[in-house]
Amino acid sequence: SSSWNGKALPDYPEGTPEITILKVIIPPGVELPVHEHPVINAGVVLKGRLTVVTEDGKTLHLKAGDTIVEVVNTWHCGKNEGDEPVEIIVFYAGVQGSPITVKK
């Protein structure tokens, strides 16, 4: 019912449901561009250590085996500050015709 930063998740959007499952690999030392997700999503870290930082300065540190319910409609980025690639599987609960990620 809430994301990792404690904010309540929004209602599901209206429309034809579309579930997207992605495996994201972030090489060591790489920071992803600032982005937001307009849909509810959750993931599990398979390998490595991931740091997630919101624009307002909230930080979450994840390691292999940890799960995350990501922030929705909140600018943030993920970065790999470790020595090995981060691998994470993310599940998005969206609707057809709408993006799951928007870059700033």
Protein backbone atom coordinates (compact mmCIF):
# COMPACT_ATOMS: atom_id res chain seq x y z
CA SER A 1 0.00 0.00 0.00
CA SER A 2 3.06 2.31 0.14
CA SER A 3 6.41 2.76 -1.62
CA TRP A 4 9.80 2.48 0.06
CA ASN A 5 9.76 6.16 1.02
CA GLY A 6 6.48 5.72 2.92
CA LYS A 7 4.17 7.51 0.48
CA ALA A 8 0.83 5.86 -0.31
CA LEU A 9 0.63 4.18 -3.71
CA PRO A 10 -1.83 5.74 -6.19
CA ASP A 11 -4.93 3.99 -7.47
CA TYR A 12 -4.41 1.78 -10.49
CA PRO A 13 -4.99 3.73 -13.71
CA GLU A 14 -8.06 3.04 -15.83
CA GLY A 15 -7.57 1.21 -19.09
CA THR A 16 -6.51 -2.17 -20.39
CA PRO A 17 -3.97 -3.63 -17.95
CA GLU A 18 -0.45 -4.24 -19.19
CA ILE A 19 2.14 -5.96 -17.00
CA THR A 20 5.78 -5.40 -17.96
CA ILE A 21 8.64 -7.38 -16.46
CA LEU A 22 12.19 -6.16 -17.07
CA LYS A 23 15.63 -7.35 -16.05
CA VAL A 24 17.77 -4.25 -15.57
CA ILE A 25 21.56 -4.52 -15.41
CA ILE A 26 23.56 -1.55 -14.12
CA PRO A 27 27.36 -1.80 -14.55
CA PRO A 28 29.68 -0.79 -11.69
CA GLY A 29 30.02 2.98 -11.30
CA VAL A 30 26.98 3.80 -13.45
CA GLU A 31 24.19 6.16 -12.37
CA LEU A 32 20.91 6.00 -14.29
CA PRO A 33 19.32 9.23 -15.54
CA VAL A 34 16.80 10.93 -13.24
CA HIS A 35 13.36 9.51 -14.03
CA GLU A 36 9.95 8.73 -12.57
CA HIS A 37 7.42 5.94 -12.94
CA PRO A 38 3.76 6.89 -13.47
CA VAL A 39 2.72 3.32 -12.55
CA ILE A 40 3.12 1.06 -9.54
CA ASN A 41 6.17 -1.17 -9.77
CA ALA A 42 8.17 -3.49 -7.57
CA GLY A 43 11.40 -5.38 -7.92
CA VAL A 44 13.93 -7.75 -6.44
CA VAL A 45 17.69 -7.31 -6.56
CA LEU A 46 19.30 -10.49 -7.89
CA LYS A 47 22.94 -9.41 -7.73
CA GLY A 48 25.04 -6.51 -6.49
CA ARG A 49 24.22 -3.43 -4.45
CA LEU A 50 21.85 -0.69 -5.63
CA THR A 51 21.42 2.80 -4.24
CA VAL A 52 18.19 4.68 -5.01
CA VAL A 53 18.03 8.43 -4.36
CA THR A 54 15.00 10.73 -4.70
CA GLU A 55 15.29 14.39 -5.68
CA ASP A 56 14.34 15.41 -2.16
CA GLY A 57 17.32 13.47 -0.77
CA LYS A 58 15.79 10.24 0.51
CA THR A 59 18.18 7.32 -0.01
CA LEU A 60 17.66 3.57 -0.01
CA HIS A 61 20.46 0.98 -0.12
CA LEU A 62 19.61 -2.47 -1.48
CA LYS A 63 21.62 -5.67 -1.79
CA ALA A 64 21.03 -9.03 -3.47
CA GLY A 65 17.82 -10.58 -2.14
CA ASP A 66 16.23 -7.28 -1.13
CA THR A 67 12.87 -6.20 -2.55
CA ILE A 68 11.61 -2.72 -3.36
CA VAL A 69 8.23 -1.12 -4.01
CA GLU A 70 9.41 1.85 -6.05
CA VAL A 71 8.28 5.43 -5.72
CA VAL A 72 5.54 6.55 -8.14
CA ASN A 73 5.47 10.00 -9.76
CA THR A 74 8.64 10.92 -7.88
CA TRP A 75 11.90 11.91 -9.57
CA HIS A 76 14.71 9.56 -8.59
CA CYS A 77 17.72 7.67 -9.89
CA GLY A 78 19.46 4.39 -9.22
CA LYS A 79 23.20 3.95 -9.06
CA ASN A 80 25.67 1.14 -8.70
CA GLU A 81 28.37 2.17 -6.27
CA GLY A 82 29.74 -1.37 -6.04
CA ASP A 83 32.35 -3.46 -7.86
CA GLU A 84 29.98 -5.84 -9.67
CA PRO A 85 26.97 -5.34 -11.94
CA VAL A 86 23.58 -4.82 -10.29
CA GLU A 87 20.86 -7.09 -11.63
CA ILE A 88 17.26 -6.34 -10.71
CA ILE A 89 13.95 -7.73 -11.96
CA VAL A 90 11.19 -5.09 -11.96
CA PHE A 91 7.43 -5.70 -12.39
CA TYR A 92 5.32 -2.77 -13.66
CA ALA A 93 1.50 -2.65 -13.33
CA GLY A 94 0.60 -0.24 -16.14
CA VAL A 95 -1.97 0.18 -18.87
CA GLN A 96 -1.64 -0.21 -22.61
CA GLY A 97 -0.48 2.95 -24.38
CA SER A 98 1.06 4.58 -21.29
CA PRO A 99 4.76 4.75 -20.44
CA ILE A 100 6.23 2.91 -17.46
CA THR A 101 9.19 5.28 -17.16
CA VAL A 102 9.59 8.99 -17.95
CA LYS A 103 13.07 10.57 -18.08
CA LYS A 104 13.45 14.09 -16.71
